[in-house]
Full PDB file with SEQRES, HELIX, SHEET, SSBOND, CRYST1, ORIGX, SCALE, CONECT and MASTER records, all heavy atoms in Angstrom:
SEQRES   1 A   42  ALA LEU LEU THR GLU ILE LEU GLN PRO PHE PHE ASN ARG          
SEQRES   2 A   42  ASP GLY ARG LEU ILE ASP VAL LEU ILE ASP SER VAL GLY          
SEQRES   3 A   42  ILE PHE GLY ALA TYR GLY LEU CYS ARG LEU LEU ARG ARG          
SEQRES   4 A   42  PRO LYS ARG                                                  
HELIX    1 AA1 LEU A    2  LEU A    7  1                                   6    
HELIX    2 AA2 GLN A    8  PHE A   11  5                                   4    
HELIX    3 AA3 LEU A   17  ARG A   38  1                                  22    
CRYST1    1.000    1.000    1.000  90.00  90.00  90.00 P 1           1          
ORIGX1      1.000000  0.000000  0.000000        0.00000                         
ORIGX2      0.000000  1.000000  0.000000        0.00000                         
ORIGX3      0.000000  0.000000  1.000000        0.00000                         
SCALE1      1.000000  0.000000  0.000000        0.00000                         
SCALE2      0.000000  1.000000  0.000000        0.00000                         
SCALE3      0.000000  0.000000  1.000000        0.00000                         
ATOM      1  N   ALA A   1      16.980  29.011 -21.704  1.00  0.00           N  
ATOM      2  CA  ALA A   1      16.170  29.743 -22.643  1.00  0.00           C  
ATOM      3  C   ALA A   1      16.767  31.136 -22.927  1.00  0.00           C  
ATOM      4  O   ALA A   1      16.704  31.614 -23.989  1.00  0.00           O  
ATOM      5  CB  ALA A   1      14.689  29.922 -22.001  1.00  0.00           C  
ATOM      6  N   LEU A   2      17.289  31.749 -21.771  1.00  0.00           N  
ATOM      7  CA  LEU A   2      17.959  33.040 -21.937  1.00  0.00           C  
ATOM      8  C   LEU A   2      19.190  32.926 -22.925  1.00  0.00           C  
ATOM      9  O   LEU A   2      19.354  33.713 -23.872  1.00  0.00           O  
ATOM     10  CB  LEU A   2      18.328  33.565 -20.625  1.00  0.00           C  
ATOM     11  CG  LEU A   2      19.069  34.950 -20.514  1.00  0.00           C  
ATOM     12  CD1 LEU A   2      18.095  35.953 -21.185  1.00  0.00           C  
ATOM     13  CD2 LEU A   2      19.460  35.228 -19.115  1.00  0.00           C  
ATOM     14  N   LEU A   3      20.003  31.910 -22.808  1.00  0.00           N  
ATOM     15  CA  LEU A   3      21.136  31.688 -23.541  1.00  0.00           C  
ATOM     16  C   LEU A   3      20.854  31.475 -24.949  1.00  0.00           C  
ATOM     17  O   LEU A   3      21.460  32.074 -25.945  1.00  0.00           O  
ATOM     18  CB  LEU A   3      21.886  30.381 -22.950  1.00  0.00           C  
ATOM     19  CG  LEU A   3      23.181  29.990 -23.900  1.00  0.00           C  
ATOM     20  CD1 LEU A   3      24.250  31.062 -23.735  1.00  0.00           C  
ATOM     21  CD2 LEU A   3      23.621  28.716 -23.487  1.00  0.00           C  
ATOM     22  N   THR A   4      19.734  30.671 -25.285  1.00  0.00           N  
ATOM     23  CA  THR A   4      19.437  30.482 -26.756  1.00  0.00           C  
ATOM     24  C   THR A   4      18.996  31.810 -27.385  1.00  0.00           C  
ATOM     25  O   THR A   4      19.236  32.063 -28.477  1.00  0.00           O  
ATOM     26  CB  THR A   4      18.284  29.473 -26.947  1.00  0.00           C  
ATOM     27  OG1 THR A   4      17.120  29.795 -26.212  1.00  0.00           O  
ATOM     28  CG2 THR A   4      18.893  28.037 -26.460  1.00  0.00           C  
ATOM     29  N   GLU A   5      18.262  32.748 -26.690  1.00  0.00           N  
ATOM     30  CA  GLU A   5      17.807  33.981 -27.126  1.00  0.00           C  
ATOM     31  C   GLU A   5      19.005  34.966 -27.275  1.00  0.00           C  
ATOM     32  O   GLU A   5      18.983  35.577 -28.272  1.00  0.00           O  
ATOM     33  CB  GLU A   5      16.765  34.641 -26.260  1.00  0.00           C  
ATOM     34  CG  GLU A   5      15.515  33.870 -26.273  1.00  0.00           C  
ATOM     35  CD  GLU A   5      14.845  33.727 -27.603  1.00  0.00           C  
ATOM     36  OE1 GLU A   5      14.875  34.575 -28.493  1.00  0.00           O  
ATOM     37  OE2 GLU A   5      14.225  32.552 -27.786  1.00  0.00           O  
ATOM     38  N   ILE A   6      19.958  34.843 -26.454  1.00  0.00           N  
ATOM     39  CA  ILE A   6      21.250  35.746 -26.566  1.00  0.00           C  
ATOM     40  C   ILE A   6      21.985  35.181 -27.861  1.00  0.00           C  
ATOM     41  O   ILE A   6      22.567  36.085 -28.362  1.00  0.00           O  
ATOM     42  CB  ILE A   6      22.038  35.732 -25.328  1.00  0.00           C  
ATOM     43  CG1 ILE A   6      21.217  36.489 -24.255  1.00  0.00           C  
ATOM     44  CG2 ILE A   6      23.373  36.375 -25.438  1.00  0.00           C  
ATOM     45  CD1 ILE A   6      21.809  36.440 -22.811  1.00  0.00           C  
ATOM     46  N   LEU A   7      22.064  33.987 -28.056  1.00  0.00           N  
ATOM     47  CA  LEU A   7      22.930  33.418 -29.078  1.00  0.00           C  
ATOM     48  C   LEU A   7      22.261  33.600 -30.483  1.00  0.00           C  
ATOM     49  O   LEU A   7      23.033  33.792 -31.560  1.00  0.00           O  
ATOM     50  CB  LEU A   7      23.087  31.896 -28.964  1.00  0.00           C  
ATOM     51  CG  LEU A   7      24.045  31.501 -27.885  1.00  0.00           C  
ATOM     52  CD1 LEU A   7      24.088  29.912 -27.683  1.00  0.00           C  
ATOM     53  CD2 LEU A   7      25.446  31.931 -28.095  1.00  0.00           C  
ATOM     54  N   GLN A   8      21.030  33.791 -30.566  1.00  0.00           N  
ATOM     55  CA  GLN A   8      20.239  33.805 -31.890  1.00  0.00           C  
ATOM     56  C   GLN A   8      20.784  35.002 -32.861  1.00  0.00           C  
ATOM     57  O   GLN A   8      21.009  34.812 -33.986  1.00  0.00           O  
ATOM     58  CB  GLN A   8      18.763  33.900 -31.777  1.00  0.00           C  
ATOM     59  CG  GLN A   8      18.264  32.604 -31.501  1.00  0.00           C  
ATOM     60  CD  GLN A   8      16.744  32.650 -31.427  1.00  0.00           C  
ATOM     61  OE1 GLN A   8      16.078  33.468 -32.129  1.00  0.00           O  
ATOM     62  NE2 GLN A   8      16.083  31.866 -30.568  1.00  0.00           N  
ATOM     63  N   PRO A   9      21.013  36.140 -32.245  1.00  0.00           N  
ATOM     64  CA  PRO A   9      21.450  37.280 -33.096  1.00  0.00           C  
ATOM     65  C   PRO A   9      22.771  36.979 -33.730  1.00  0.00           C  
ATOM     66  O   PRO A   9      23.222  37.571 -34.869  1.00  0.00           O  
ATOM     67  CB  PRO A   9      21.605  38.402 -32.256  1.00  0.00           C  
ATOM     68  CG  PRO A   9      20.561  38.246 -30.975  1.00  0.00           C  
ATOM     69  CD  PRO A   9      20.590  36.759 -30.917  1.00  0.00           C  
ATOM     70  N   PHE A  10      23.655  36.006 -33.175  1.00  0.00           N  
ATOM     71  CA  PHE A  10      24.918  35.680 -33.721  1.00  0.00           C  
ATOM     72  C   PHE A  10      24.832  34.624 -34.804  1.00  0.00           C  
ATOM     73  O   PHE A  10      25.822  34.359 -35.318  1.00  0.00           O  
ATOM     74  CB  PHE A  10      25.800  35.280 -32.499  1.00  0.00           C  
ATOM     75  CG  PHE A  10      26.134  36.409 -31.627  1.00  0.00           C  
ATOM     76  CD1 PHE A  10      25.586  36.581 -30.447  1.00  0.00           C  
ATOM     77  CD2 PHE A  10      27.155  37.326 -32.050  1.00  0.00           C  
ATOM     78  CE1 PHE A  10      25.948  37.534 -29.659  1.00  0.00           C  
ATOM     79  CE2 PHE A  10      27.447  38.356 -31.196  1.00  0.00           C  
ATOM     80  CZ  PHE A  10      26.816  38.468 -29.918  1.00  0.00           C  
ATOM     81  N   PHE A  11      23.669  34.158 -34.988  1.00  0.00           N  
ATOM     82  CA  PHE A  11      23.248  33.178 -36.036  1.00  0.00           C  
ATOM     83  C   PHE A  11      22.252  33.785 -37.008  1.00  0.00           C  
ATOM     84  O   PHE A  11      21.399  33.090 -37.682  1.00  0.00           O  
ATOM     85  CB  PHE A  11      22.765  31.774 -35.359  1.00  0.00           C  
ATOM     86  CG  PHE A  11      23.900  31.219 -34.751  1.00  0.00           C  
ATOM     87  CD1 PHE A  11      24.031  31.328 -33.386  1.00  0.00           C  
ATOM     88  CD2 PHE A  11      24.624  30.215 -35.430  1.00  0.00           C  
ATOM     89  CE1 PHE A  11      25.135  30.615 -32.752  1.00  0.00           C  
ATOM     90  CE2 PHE A  11      25.663  29.476 -34.788  1.00  0.00           C  
ATOM     91  CZ  PHE A  11      25.847  29.672 -33.489  1.00  0.00           C  
ATOM     92  N   ASN A  12      22.316  35.028 -37.163  1.00  0.00           N  
ATOM     93  CA  ASN A  12      21.378  35.784 -38.142  1.00  0.00           C  
ATOM     94  C   ASN A  12      19.944  35.613 -37.951  1.00  0.00           C  
ATOM     95  O   ASN A  12      19.155  35.241 -38.770  1.00  0.00           O  
ATOM     96  CB  ASN A  12      21.773  35.644 -39.554  1.00  0.00           C  
ATOM     97  CG  ASN A  12      23.032  36.312 -40.020  1.00  0.00           C  
ATOM     98  OD1 ASN A  12      23.169  37.538 -39.693  1.00  0.00           O  
ATOM     99  ND2 ASN A  12      23.932  35.740 -40.525  1.00  0.00           N  
ATOM    100  N   ARG A  13      19.586  35.316 -36.611  1.00  0.00           N  
ATOM    101  CA  ARG A  13      18.159  35.187 -36.219  1.00  0.00           C  
ATOM    102  C   ARG A  13      17.765  36.214 -35.257  1.00  0.00           C  
ATOM    103  O   ARG A  13      18.630  36.947 -34.894  1.00  0.00           O  
ATOM    104  CB  ARG A  13      18.054  33.872 -35.474  1.00  0.00           C  
ATOM    105  CG  ARG A  13      18.314  32.510 -36.222  1.00  0.00           C  
ATOM    106  CD  ARG A  13      17.153  32.222 -37.149  1.00  0.00           C  
ATOM    107  NE  ARG A  13      15.816  32.003 -36.403  1.00  0.00           N  
ATOM    108  CZ  ARG A  13      15.467  30.979 -35.810  1.00  0.00           C  
ATOM    109  NH1 ARG A  13      16.229  29.797 -35.800  1.00  0.00           N  
ATOM    110  NH2 ARG A  13      14.382  30.875 -35.099  1.00  0.00           N  
ATOM    111  N   ASP A  14      16.445  36.341 -35.096  1.00  0.00           N  
ATOM    112  CA  ASP A  14      16.027  37.481 -34.128  1.00  0.00           C  
ATOM    113  C   ASP A  14      15.856  36.865 -32.782  1.00  0.00           C  
ATOM    114  O   ASP A  14      14.792  36.169 -32.534  1.00  0.00           O  
ATOM    115  CB  ASP A  14      14.775  37.989 -34.713  1.00  0.00           C  
ATOM    116  CG  ASP A  14      14.864  38.817 -35.981  1.00  0.00           C  
ATOM    117  OD1 ASP A  14      15.954  39.320 -36.215  1.00  0.00           O  
ATOM    118  OD2 ASP A  14      13.940  38.588 -36.764  1.00  0.00           O  
ATOM    119  N   GLY A  15      16.702  37.172 -31.941  1.00  0.00           N  
ATOM    120  CA  GLY A  15      16.435  36.793 -30.482  1.00  0.00           C  
ATOM    121  C   GLY A  15      15.658  37.846 -29.663  1.00  0.00           C  
ATOM    122  O   GLY A  15      15.849  39.032 -29.998  1.00  0.00           O  
ATOM    123  N   ARG A  16      14.721  37.424 -29.038  1.00  0.00           N  
ATOM    124  CA  ARG A  16      13.934  38.206 -28.101  1.00  0.00           C  
ATOM    125  C   ARG A  16      13.809  37.804 -26.733  1.00  0.00           C  
ATOM    126  O   ARG A  16      13.414  36.607 -26.566  1.00  0.00           O  
ATOM    127  CB  ARG A  16      12.455  38.372 -28.804  1.00  0.00           C  
ATOM    128  CG  ARG A  16      12.390  38.824 -30.174  1.00  0.00           C  
ATOM    129  CD  ARG A  16      12.561  40.246 -30.326  1.00  0.00           C  
ATOM    130  NE  ARG A  16      12.280  40.853 -31.634  1.00  0.00           N  
ATOM    131  CZ  ARG A  16      13.163  41.038 -32.593  1.00  0.00           C  
ATOM    132  NH1 ARG A  16      14.431  40.608 -32.444  1.00  0.00           N  
ATOM    133  NH2 ARG A  16      12.829  41.426 -33.797  1.00  0.00           N  
ATOM    134  N   LEU A  17      13.932  38.724 -25.867  1.00  0.00           N  
ATOM    135  CA  LEU A  17      13.709  38.324 -24.422  1.00  0.00           C  
ATOM    136  C   LEU A  17      12.170  37.897 -24.143  1.00  0.00           C  
ATOM    137  O   LEU A  17      12.024  37.141 -23.333  1.00  0.00           O  
ATOM    138  CB  LEU A  17      14.143  39.431 -23.472  1.00  0.00           C  
ATOM    139  CG  LEU A  17      15.584  39.681 -23.565  1.00  0.00           C  
ATOM    140  CD1 LEU A  17      15.944  40.858 -22.504  1.00  0.00           C  
ATOM    141  CD2 LEU A  17      16.326  38.446 -23.060  1.00  0.00           C  
ATOM    142  N   ILE A  18      11.235  38.469 -24.922  1.00  0.00           N  
ATOM    143  CA  ILE A  18       9.880  38.056 -24.791  1.00  0.00           C  
ATOM    144  C   ILE A  18       9.831  36.699 -25.094  1.00  0.00           C  
ATOM    145  O   ILE A  18       8.906  35.891 -24.490  1.00  0.00           O  
ATOM    146  CB  ILE A  18       8.988  38.975 -25.772  1.00  0.00           C  
ATOM    147  CG1 ILE A  18       7.470  38.797 -25.269  1.00  0.00           C  
ATOM    148  CG2 ILE A  18       9.281  38.556 -27.154  1.00  0.00           C  
ATOM    149  CD1 ILE A  18       7.187  39.479 -24.053  1.00  0.00           C  
ATOM    150  N   ASP A  19      10.606  35.981 -25.867  1.00  0.00           N  
ATOM    151  CA  ASP A  19      10.675  34.540 -26.133  1.00  0.00           C  
ATOM    152  C   ASP A  19      10.940  33.707 -24.747  1.00  0.00           C  
ATOM    153  O   ASP A  19      10.469  32.724 -24.643  1.00  0.00           O  
ATOM    154  CB  ASP A  19      11.401  34.063 -27.286  1.00  0.00           C  
ATOM    155  CG  ASP A  19      10.791  34.507 -28.631  1.00  0.00           C  
ATOM    156  OD1 ASP A  19       9.658  34.635 -28.557  1.00  0.00           O  
ATOM    157  OD2 ASP A  19      11.472  34.447 -29.551  1.00  0.00           O  
ATOM    158  N   VAL A  20      11.761  34.399 -23.915  1.00  0.00           N  
ATOM    159  CA  VAL A  20      12.103  33.717 -22.721  1.00  0.00           C  
ATOM    160  C   VAL A  20      10.905  33.667 -21.850  1.00  0.00           C  
ATOM    161  O   VAL A  20      10.700  32.641 -21.209  1.00  0.00           O  
ATOM    162  CB  VAL A  20      13.222  34.486 -21.965  1.00  0.00           C  
ATOM    163  CG1 VAL A  20      13.526  33.858 -20.575  1.00  0.00           C  
ATOM    164  CG2 VAL A  20      14.549  34.431 -22.772  1.00  0.00           C  
ATOM    165  N   LEU A  21       9.997  34.622 -21.837  1.00  0.00           N  
ATOM    166  CA  LEU A  21       8.717  34.557 -21.167  1.00  0.00           C  
ATOM    167  C   LEU A  21       7.848  33.435 -21.700  1.00  0.00           C  
ATOM    168  O   LEU A  21       7.137  32.650 -20.979  1.00  0.00           O  
ATOM    169  CB  LEU A  21       7.999  35.896 -21.188  1.00  0.00           C  
ATOM    170  CG  LEU A  21       8.651  37.011 -20.424  1.00  0.00           C  
ATOM    171  CD1 LEU A  21       8.045  38.185 -20.576  1.00  0.00           C  
ATOM    172  CD2 LEU A  21       8.844  36.580 -18.923  1.00  0.00           C  
ATOM    173  N   ILE A  22       7.810  33.433 -23.085  1.00  0.00           N  
ATOM    174  CA  ILE A  22       7.074  32.263 -23.683  1.00  0.00           C  
ATOM    175  C   ILE A  22       7.614  30.858 -23.390  1.00  0.00           C  
ATOM    176  O   ILE A  22       6.899  29.864 -23.092  1.00  0.00           O  
ATOM    177  CB  ILE A  22       7.088  32.574 -25.252  1.00  0.00           C  
ATOM    178  CG1 ILE A  22       6.226  33.776 -25.495  1.00  0.00           C  
ATOM    179  CG2 ILE A  22       6.447  31.295 -26.026  1.00  0.00           C  
ATOM    180  CD1 ILE A  22       6.392  34.292 -26.989  1.00  0.00           C  
ATOM    181  N   ASP A  23       8.843  30.709 -23.432  1.00  0.00           N  
ATOM    182  CA  ASP A  23       9.569  29.472 -23.051  1.00  0.00           C  
ATOM    183  C   ASP A  23       9.249  29.241 -21.517  1.00  0.00           C  
ATOM    184  O   ASP A  23       8.976  28.062 -21.216  1.00  0.00           O  
ATOM    185  CB  ASP A  23      11.065  29.649 -23.163  1.00  0.00           C  
ATOM    186  CG  ASP A  23      11.643  29.896 -24.469  1.00  0.00           C  
ATOM    187  OD1 ASP A  23      10.859  29.741 -25.446  1.00  0.00           O  
ATOM    188  OD2 ASP A  23      12.730  30.338 -24.612  1.00  0.00           O  
ATOM    189  N   SER A  24       9.135  30.249 -20.643  1.00  0.00           N  
ATOM    190  CA  SER A  24       8.873  29.976 -19.385  1.00  0.00           C  
ATOM    191  C   SER A  24       7.438  29.479 -19.151  1.00  0.00           C  
ATOM    192  O   SER A  24       7.227  28.842 -18.025  1.00  0.00           O  
ATOM    193  CB  SER A  24       9.022  31.299 -18.511  1.00  0.00           C  
ATOM    194  OG  SER A  24      10.400  31.586 -18.427  1.00  0.00           O  
ATOM    195  N   VAL A  25       6.499  29.730 -19.914  1.00  0.00           N  
ATOM    196  CA  VAL A  25       5.107  29.142 -19.865  1.00  0.00           C  
ATOM    197  C   VAL A  25       5.202  27.631 -19.900  1.00  0.00           C  
ATOM    198  O   VAL A  25       4.657  26.989 -19.178  1.00  0.00           O  
ATOM    199  CB  VAL A  25       4.245  29.520 -21.046  1.00  0.00           C  
ATOM    200  CG1 VAL A  25       3.002  28.835 -21.097  1.00  0.00           C  
ATOM    201  CG2 VAL A  25       3.922  31.102 -20.970  1.00  0.00           C  
ATOM    202  N   GLY A  26       6.007  27.098 -20.856  1.00  0.00           N  
ATOM    203  CA  GLY A  26       6.387  25.637 -20.959  1.00  0.00           C  
ATOM    204  C   GLY A  26       7.209  25.156 -19.661  1.00  0.00           C  
ATOM    205  O   GLY A  26       6.838  24.047 -19.180  1.00  0.00           O  
ATOM    206  N   ILE A  27       8.101  25.816 -19.202  1.00  0.00           N  
ATOM    207  CA  ILE A  27       9.002  25.455 -18.216  1.00  0.00           C  
ATOM    208  C   ILE A  27       8.098  25.337 -16.887  1.00  0.00           C  
ATOM    209  O   ILE A  27       8.093  24.236 -16.239  1.00  0.00           O  
ATOM    210  CB  ILE A  27      10.023  26.402 -17.959  1.00  0.00           C  
ATOM    211  CG1 ILE A  27      11.053  26.387 -19.061  1.00  0.00           C  
ATOM    212  CG2 ILE A  27      10.867  26.164 -16.593  1.00  0.00           C  
ATOM    213  CD1 ILE A  27      12.106  27.584 -19.168  1.00  0.00           C  
ATOM    214  N   PHE A  28       7.501  26.328 -16.553  1.00  0.00           N  
ATOM    215  CA  PHE A  28       6.680  26.357 -15.285  1.00  0.00           C  
ATOM    216  C   PHE A  28       5.389  25.557 -15.388  1.00  0.00           C  
ATOM    217  O   PHE A  28       4.874  24.948 -14.440  1.00  0.00           O  
ATOM    218  CB  PHE A  28       6.397  27.767 -14.847  1.00  0.00           C  
ATOM    219  CG  PHE A  28       7.649  28.372 -14.233  1.00  0.00           C  
ATOM    220  CD1 PHE A  28       8.342  29.378 -15.079  1.00  0.00           C  
ATOM    221  CD2 PHE A  28       8.256  28.113 -13.119  1.00  0.00           C  
ATOM    222  CE1 PHE A  28       9.481  29.910 -14.723  1.00  0.00           C  
ATOM    223  CE2 PHE A  28       9.390  28.682 -12.638  1.00  0.00           C  
ATOM    224  CZ  PHE A  28      10.075  29.566 -13.486  1.00  0.00           C  
ATOM    225  N   GLY A  29       4.851  25.431 -16.607  1.00  0.00           N  
ATOM    226  CA  GLY A  29       3.684  24.601 -16.897  1.00  0.00           C  
ATOM    227  C   GLY A  29       4.061  23.189 -16.717  1.00  0.00           C  
ATOM    228  O   GLY A  29       3.204  22.430 -16.046  1.00  0.00           O  
ATOM    229  N   ALA A  30       5.149  22.739 -17.112  1.00  0.00           N  
ATOM    230  CA  ALA A  30       5.505  21.299 -16.967  1.00  0.00           C  
ATOM    231  C   ALA A  30       5.672  21.036 -15.437  1.00  0.00           C  
ATOM    232  O   ALA A  30       5.247  19.992 -14.949  1.00  0.00           O  
ATOM    233  CB  ALA A  30       6.724  20.949 -17.794  1.00  0.00           C  
ATOM    234  N   TYR A  31       6.352  21.953 -14.833  1.00  0.00           N  
ATOM    235  CA  TYR A  31       6.660  21.755 -13.326  1.00  0.00           C  
ATOM    236  C   TYR A  31       5.454  21.766 -12.515  1.00  0.00           C  
ATOM    237  O   TYR A  31       5.096  20.827 -11.688  1.00  0.00           O  
ATOM    238  CB  TYR A  31       7.528  22.882 -12.811  1.00  0.00           C  
ATOM    239  CG  TYR A  31       7.944  22.594 -11.365  1.00  0.00           C  
ATOM    240  CD1 TYR A  31       8.807  21.702 -11.000  1.00  0.00           C  
ATOM    241  CD2 TYR A  31       7.296  23.473 -10.434  1.00  0.00           C  
ATOM    242  CE1 TYR A  31       9.168  21.485  -9.676  1.00  0.00           C  
ATOM    243  CE2 TYR A  31       7.720  23.421  -9.087  1.00  0.00           C  
ATOM    244  CZ  TYR A  31       8.629  22.393  -8.642  1.00  0.00           C  
ATOM    245  OH  TYR A  31       8.832  22.204  -7.296  1.00  0.00           O  
ATOM    246  N   GLY A  32       4.553  22.768 -12.867  1.00  0.00           N  
ATOM    247  CA  GLY A  32       3.224  22.715 -12.190  1.00  0.00           C  
ATOM    248  C   GLY A  32       2.301  21.507 -12.447  1.00  0.00           C  
ATOM    249  O   GLY A  32       1.668  21.080 -11.583  1.00  0.00           O  
ATOM    250  N   LEU A  33       2.206  21.052 -13.501  1.00  0.00           N  
ATOM    251  CA  LEU A  33       1.503  19.819 -14.025  1.00  0.00           C  
ATOM    252  C   LEU A  33       2.013  18.714 -13.270  1.00  0.00           C  
ATOM    253  O   LEU A  33       1.249  17.848 -12.631  1.00  0.00           O  
ATOM    254  CB  LEU A  33       1.519  19.580 -15.485  1.00  0.00           C  
ATOM    255  CG  LEU A  33       0.746  18.416 -16.055  1.00  0.00           C  
ATOM    256  CD1 LEU A  33      -0.710  18.646 -15.741  1.00  0.00           C  
ATOM    257  CD2 LEU A  33       0.968  18.177 -17.507  1.00  0.00           C  
ATOM    258  N   CYS A  34       3.364  18.529 -13.216  1.00  0.00           N  
ATOM    259  CA  CYS A  34       3.943  17.392 -12.442  1.00  0.00           C  
ATOM    260  C   CYS A  34       3.556  17.526 -11.044  1.00  0.00           C  
ATOM    261  O   CYS A  34       3.281  16.452 -10.371  1.00  0.00           O  
ATOM    262  CB  CYS A  34       5.451  17.347 -12.520  1.00  0.00           C  
ATOM    263  SG  CYS A  34       5.945  16.811 -14.343  1.00  0.00           S  
ATOM    264  N   ARG A  35       3.807  18.661 -10.410  1.00  0.00           N  
ATOM    265  CA  ARG A  35       3.437  18.845  -9.000  1.00  0.00           C  
ATOM    266  C   ARG A  35       1.946  18.421  -8.777  1.00  0.00           C  
ATOM    267  O   ARG A  35       1.547  17.844  -7.794  1.00  0.00           O  
ATOM    268  CB  ARG A  35       3.753  20.134  -8.577  1.00  0.00           C  
ATOM    269  CG  ARG A  35       5.235  20.519  -8.620  1.00  0.00           C  
ATOM    270  CD  ARG A  35       6.077  19.759  -7.716  1.00  0.00           C  
ATOM    271  NE  ARG A  35       5.759  20.226  -6.239  1.00  0.00           N  
ATOM    272  CZ  ARG A  35       6.405  19.752  -5.180  1.00  0.00           C  
ATOM    273  NH1 ARG A  35       7.326  18.788  -5.441  1.00  0.00           N  
ATOM    274  NH2 ARG A  35       6.142  20.050  -4.080  1.00  0.00           N  
ATOM    275  N   LEU A  36       1.045  18.966  -9.605  1.00  0.00           N  
ATOM    276  CA  LEU A  36      -0.292  18.738  -9.524  1.00  0.00           C  
ATOM    277  C   LEU A  36      -0.719  17.150  -9.535  1.00  0.00           C  
ATOM    278  O   LEU A  36      -1.409  16.675  -8.719  1.00  0.00           O  
ATOM    279  CB  LEU A  36      -1.256  19.466 -10.654  1.00  0.00           C  
ATOM    280  CG  LEU A  36      -2.663  19.344 -10.547  1.00  0.00           C  
ATOM    281  CD1 LEU A  36      -3.223  20.094  -9.305  1.00  0.00           C  
ATOM    282  CD2 LEU A  36      -3.181  20.001 -11.893  1.00  0.00           C  
ATOM    283  N   LEU A  37      -0.091  16.553 -10.491  1.00  0.00           N  
ATOM    284  CA  LEU A  37      -0.415  15.095 -10.640  1.00  0.00           C  
ATOM    285  C   LEU A  37       0.279  14.236  -9.591  1.00  0.00           C  
ATOM    286  O   LEU A  37      -0.205  13.150  -9.275  1.00  0.00           O  
ATOM    287  CB  LEU A  37       0.242  14.637 -11.934  1.00  0.00           C  
ATOM    288  CG  LEU A  37      -0.458  15.234 -13.245  1.00  0.00           C  
ATOM    289  CD1 LEU A  37       0.300  14.650 -14.474  1.00  0.00           C  
ATOM    290  CD2 LEU A  37      -1.856  14.823 -13.247  1.00  0.00           C  
ATOM    291  N   ARG A  38       1.299  14.791  -8.759  1.00  0.00           N  
ATOM    292  CA  ARG A  38       2.007  14.010  -7.731  1.00  0.00           C  
ATOM    293  C   ARG A  38       1.297  14.268  -6.348  1.00  0.00           C  
ATOM    294  O   ARG A  38       1.638  13.671  -5.488  1.00  0.00           O  
ATOM    295  CB  ARG A  38       3.401  14.469  -7.696  1.00  0.00           C  
ATOM    296  CG  ARG A  38       4.192  13.926  -8.955  1.00  0.00           C  
ATOM    297  CD  ARG A  38       5.644  14.101  -8.748  1.00  0.00           C  
ATOM    298  NE  ARG A  38       5.988  13.796  -7.472  1.00  0.00           N  
ATOM    299  CZ  ARG A  38       7.052  14.282  -6.954  1.00  0.00           C  
ATOM    300  NH1 ARG A  38       7.844  15.127  -7.546  1.00  0.00           N  
ATOM    301  NH2 ARG A  38       7.557  13.845  -5.594  1.00  0.00           N  
ATOM    302  N   ARG A  39       0.336  15.266  -6.291  1.00  0.00           N  
ATOM    303  CA  ARG A  39      -0.259  15.537  -5.050  1.00  0.00           C  
ATOM    304  C   ARG A  39      -1.117  14.294  -4.604  1.00  0.00           C  
ATOM    305  O   ARG A  39      -1.653  13.549  -5.375  1.00  0.00           O  
ATOM    306  CB  ARG A  39      -1.396  16.708  -5.228  1.00  0.00           C  
ATOM    307  CG  ARG A  39      -0.664  18.085  -5.290  1.00  0.00           C  
ATOM    308  CD  ARG A  39      -1.682  19.166  -5.353  1.00  0.00           C  
ATOM    309  NE  ARG A  39      -2.961  18.867  -5.047  1.00  0.00           N  
ATOM    310  CZ  ARG A  39      -4.025  19.632  -5.419  1.00  0.00           C  
ATOM    311  NH1 ARG A  39      -3.807  20.600  -6.026  1.00  0.00           N  
ATOM    312  NH2 ARG A  39      -5.240  19.418  -5.010  1.00  0.00           N  
ATOM    313  N   PRO A  40      -1.024  14.039  -3.272  1.00  0.00           N  
ATOM    314  CA  PRO A  40      -1.739  12.973  -2.718  1.00  0.00           C  
ATOM    315  C   PRO A  40      -3.309  13.186  -2.909  1.00  0.00           C  
ATOM    316  O   PRO A  40      -3.765  14.314  -2.769  1.00  0.00           O  
ATOM    317  CB  PRO A  40      -1.446  12.883  -1.256  1.00  0.00           C  
ATOM    318  CG  PRO A  40      -0.661  14.026  -0.941  1.00  0.00           C  
ATOM    319  CD  PRO A  40      -0.291  14.823  -2.275  1.00  0.00           C  
ATOM    320  N   LYS A  41      -3.859  12.179  -3.240  1.00  0.00           N  
ATOM    321  CA  LYS A  41      -5.532  12.249  -3.520  1.00  0.00           C  
ATOM    322  C   LYS A  41      -6.291  12.297  -2.192  1.00  0.00           C  
ATOM    323  O   LYS A  41      -5.929  11.402  -1.461  1.00  0.00           O  
ATOM    324  CB  LYS A  41      -5.888  11.208  -4.439  1.00  0.00           C  
ATOM    325  CG  LYS A  41      -5.303  11.372  -5.786  1.00  0.00           C  
ATOM    326  CD  LYS A  41      -5.903  10.259  -6.685  1.00  0.00           C  
ATOM    327  CE  LYS A  41      -5.426  10.456  -8.105  1.00  0.00           C  
ATOM    328  NZ  LYS A  41      -4.240  10.150  -8.608  1.00  0.00           N  
ATOM    329  N   ARG A  42      -7.173  13.181  -2.047  1.00  0.00           N  
ATOM    330  CA  ARG A  42      -7.910  13.171  -0.678  1.00  0.00           C  
ATOM    331  C   ARG A  42      -9.375  12.437  -1.116  1.00  0.00           C  
ATOM    332  O   ARG A  42     -10.012  12.752  -2.128  1.00  0.00           O  
ATOM    333  CB  ARG A  42      -8.187  14.496  -0.338  1.00  0.00           C  
ATOM    334  CG  ARG A  42      -6.945  15.183   0.064  1.00  0.00           C  
ATOM    335  CD  ARG A  42      -7.188  16.620   0.545  1.00  0.00           C  
ATOM    336  NE  ARG A  42      -5.956  17.374   0.558  1.00  0.00           N  
ATOM    337  CZ  ARG A  42      -5.882  18.645   0.636  1.00  0.00           C  
ATOM    338  NH1 ARG A  42      -6.996  19.383   0.900  1.00  0.00           N  
ATOM    339  NH2 ARG A  42      -4.678  19.305   0.679  1.00  0.00           N  
TER     340      ARG A  42                                                      
MASTER        0    0    0    3    0    0    0    6  339    1    0    4          
END                                                                             
């Protein structure tokens, strides 16, 4: 996510570090959802 944002200004796009935080919502959301679904049921 960080790499893609750093590269964007070299492709005439607007890279923003805030987008890394937005990307992280998806990154940690997927991981958290997988961990939640894999928890043993009580």
